[in-house]
N, C-alpha and C. Protein backbone atom coordinates (compact mmCIF):
# COMPACT_ATOMS: atom_id res chain seq x y z
N MET A 1 0.82 -1.19 0.00
CA MET A 1 0.00 0.00 0.00
C MET A 1 0.87 1.25 0.00
N ASN A 2 1.93 1.22 0.78
CA ASN A 2 2.82 2.38 0.82
C ASN A 2 3.47 2.62 -0.54
N LEU A 3 3.80 1.55 -1.23
CA LEU A 3 4.41 1.68 -2.55
C LEU A 3 3.44 2.36 -3.52
N LEU A 4 2.17 1.98 -3.44
CA LEU A 4 1.15 2.59 -4.30
C LEU A 4 1.02 4.08 -4.02
N LEU A 5 1.04 4.46 -2.75
CA LEU A 5 0.95 5.87 -2.40
C LEU A 5 2.19 6.64 -2.84
N GLN A 6 3.36 6.02 -2.78
CA GLN A 6 4.58 6.68 -3.23
C GLN A 6 4.55 6.91 -4.74
N VAL A 7 4.07 5.92 -5.47
CA VAL A 7 3.99 6.05 -6.93
C VAL A 7 2.98 7.12 -7.30
N ALA A 8 1.85 7.15 -6.61
CA ALA A 8 0.80 8.12 -6.90
C ALA A 8 1.24 9.55 -6.57
N SER A 9 2.06 9.72 -5.56
CA SER A 9 2.47 11.05 -5.15
C SER A 9 3.76 11.51 -5.82
N SER A 10 4.42 10.62 -6.54
CA SER A 10 5.66 11.01 -7.20
C SER A 10 5.37 11.89 -8.40
N GLU A 11 6.40 12.30 -9.06
CA GLU A 11 6.29 13.19 -10.22
C GLU A 11 5.33 12.60 -11.26
N PRO A 12 4.42 13.40 -11.81
CA PRO A 12 3.45 12.86 -12.77
C PRO A 12 4.13 12.35 -14.04
N HIS A 13 3.60 11.27 -14.56
CA HIS A 13 4.13 10.67 -15.79
C HIS A 13 3.29 11.15 -16.95
N PHE A 14 3.94 11.50 -18.02
CA PHE A 14 3.21 11.88 -19.22
C PHE A 14 3.04 10.64 -20.08
N PRO A 15 1.81 10.29 -20.46
CA PRO A 15 1.57 9.03 -21.18
C PRO A 15 2.04 9.13 -22.65
N TYR A 16 3.34 8.95 -22.86
CA TYR A 16 3.89 9.06 -24.21
C TYR A 16 3.29 8.03 -25.15
N ALA A 17 3.13 6.80 -24.69
CA ALA A 17 2.60 5.74 -25.55
C ALA A 17 1.18 6.08 -26.00
N ALA A 18 0.35 6.59 -25.12
CA ALA A 18 -1.02 6.94 -25.48
C ALA A 18 -1.03 8.11 -26.47
N THR A 19 -0.17 9.08 -26.26
CA THR A 19 -0.10 10.23 -27.16
C THR A 19 0.35 9.80 -28.54
N ILE A 20 1.37 8.97 -28.62
CA ILE A 20 1.86 8.48 -29.91
C ILE A 20 0.79 7.66 -30.60
N THR A 21 0.08 6.83 -29.85
CA THR A 21 -1.00 6.02 -30.43
C THR A 21 -2.10 6.91 -30.99
N LEU A 22 -2.47 7.96 -30.28
CA LEU A 22 -3.49 8.88 -30.77
C LEU A 22 -3.05 9.61 -32.03
N ILE A 23 -1.79 10.04 -32.05
CA ILE A 23 -1.29 10.75 -33.23
C ILE A 23 -1.24 9.83 -34.44
N VAL A 24 -0.72 8.62 -34.26
CA VAL A 24 -0.65 7.66 -35.37
C VAL A 24 -2.06 7.28 -35.83
N GLY A 25 -2.98 7.09 -34.90
CA GLY A 25 -4.36 6.77 -35.24
C GLY A 25 -5.03 7.89 -36.01
N PHE A 26 -4.78 9.12 -35.61
CA PHE A 26 -5.37 10.26 -36.31
C PHE A 26 -4.83 10.36 -37.74
N ILE A 27 -3.53 10.19 -37.90
CA ILE A 27 -2.93 10.23 -39.23
C ILE A 27 -3.48 9.10 -40.09
N ALA A 28 -3.63 7.91 -39.52
CA ALA A 28 -4.18 6.78 -40.28
C ALA A 28 -5.63 7.05 -40.67
N ALA A 29 -6.42 7.60 -39.77
CA ALA A 29 -7.82 7.89 -40.07
C ALA A 29 -7.95 8.94 -41.17
N VAL A 30 -7.11 9.97 -41.12
CA VAL A 30 -7.15 11.00 -42.16
C VAL A 30 -6.73 10.41 -43.50
N THR A 31 -5.70 9.58 -43.51
CA THR A 31 -5.22 8.97 -44.75
C THR A 31 -6.27 8.05 -45.35
N ILE A 32 -6.82 7.16 -44.55
CA ILE A 32 -7.84 6.22 -45.04
C ILE A 32 -9.10 6.98 -45.48
N GLY A 33 -9.49 7.98 -44.72
CA GLY A 33 -10.65 8.77 -45.09
C GLY A 33 -10.44 9.54 -46.38
N SER A 34 -9.24 10.05 -46.59
CA SER A 34 -8.94 10.77 -47.82
C SER A 34 -9.00 9.84 -49.03
N ILE A 35 -8.43 8.66 -48.90
CA ILE A 35 -8.47 7.68 -49.99
C ILE A 35 -9.91 7.29 -50.29
N ALA A 36 -10.70 7.06 -49.26
CA ALA A 36 -12.11 6.71 -49.46
C ALA A 36 -12.87 7.85 -50.12
N TRP A 37 -12.60 9.07 -49.71
CA TRP A 37 -13.30 10.22 -50.29
C TRP A 37 -12.94 10.40 -51.76
N TYR A 38 -11.65 10.27 -52.08
CA TYR A 38 -11.23 10.43 -53.47
C TYR A 38 -11.77 9.32 -54.36
N ASN A 39 -11.99 8.13 -53.80
CA ASN A 39 -12.50 7.02 -54.60
C ASN A 39 -14.02 6.96 -54.63
N SER A 40 -14.68 7.85 -53.92
CA SER A 40 -16.14 7.86 -53.93
C SER A 40 -16.64 8.59 -55.17
N LYS A 41 -17.96 8.58 -55.35
CA LYS A 41 -18.53 9.30 -56.49
C LYS A 41 -18.29 10.78 -56.30
N ARG A 42 -18.04 11.46 -57.40
CA ARG A 42 -17.76 12.88 -57.35
C ARG A 42 -19.04 13.70 -57.23
N PRO A 43 -19.00 14.78 -56.47
CA PRO A 43 -20.15 15.68 -56.42
C PRO A 43 -20.35 16.37 -57.77
N VAL A 44 -21.51 16.97 -57.96
CA VAL A 44 -21.81 17.69 -59.19
C VAL A 44 -20.74 18.77 -59.40
N GLY A 45 -20.21 18.83 -60.63
CA GLY A 45 -19.18 19.81 -60.94
C GLY A 45 -17.78 19.26 -60.80
N TRP A 46 -17.63 18.10 -60.16
CA TRP A 46 -16.31 17.51 -59.96
C TRP A 46 -16.12 16.26 -60.81
N LYS A 47 -17.09 15.92 -61.63
CA LYS A 47 -17.05 14.67 -62.39
C LYS A 47 -15.84 14.60 -63.32
N ASN A 48 -15.43 15.72 -63.91
CA ASN A 48 -14.35 15.71 -64.89
C ASN A 48 -12.99 16.03 -64.29
N LYS A 49 -12.91 16.21 -63.00
CA LYS A 49 -11.64 16.54 -62.35
C LYS A 49 -10.79 15.29 -62.23
N GLU A 50 -9.47 15.46 -62.31
CA GLU A 50 -8.57 14.32 -62.21
C GLU A 50 -8.27 14.01 -60.76
N ARG A 51 -8.02 12.75 -60.52
CA ARG A 51 -7.68 12.26 -59.19
C ARG A 51 -6.18 12.50 -58.96
N PRO A 52 -5.77 12.85 -57.74
CA PRO A 52 -4.34 13.05 -57.46
C PRO A 52 -3.56 11.75 -57.69
N ASN A 53 -2.31 11.87 -58.07
CA ASN A 53 -1.47 10.70 -58.38
C ASN A 53 -1.21 9.82 -57.17
N ILE A 54 -1.24 10.38 -55.97
CA ILE A 54 -0.90 9.59 -54.78
C ILE A 54 -2.06 8.70 -54.32
N VAL A 55 -3.25 8.93 -54.84
CA VAL A 55 -4.42 8.15 -54.43
C VAL A 55 -4.54 6.91 -55.32
N PRO A 56 -4.51 5.71 -54.74
CA PRO A 56 -4.58 4.50 -55.56
C PRO A 56 -5.97 4.27 -56.12
N GLU A 57 -6.05 3.62 -57.30
CA GLU A 57 -7.31 3.22 -57.91
C GLU A 57 -7.83 1.98 -57.17
N ILE A 58 -9.07 1.96 -56.85
CA ILE A 58 -9.69 0.79 -56.21
C ILE A 58 -10.82 0.31 -57.10
N ASP A 59 -10.73 -0.96 -57.53
CA ASP A 59 -11.77 -1.52 -58.37
C ASP A 59 -12.97 -1.87 -57.52
N LYS A 60 -14.16 -1.59 -58.05
CA LYS A 60 -15.39 -1.87 -57.29
C LYS A 60 -15.86 -3.27 -57.49
């Protein structure tokens, strides 16, 4: 019990692993969402626009 109280009262730890996981997850979500958006049907007025070279073609 004393050990638990010492750990709790010691200098606060910054959760680096959680922060890195959140950053990597956010970047992955933005990347996957961007690819999905570019591969979706185009809104009116965007039908003739070209797709960026970095976005892969996905067969339906």
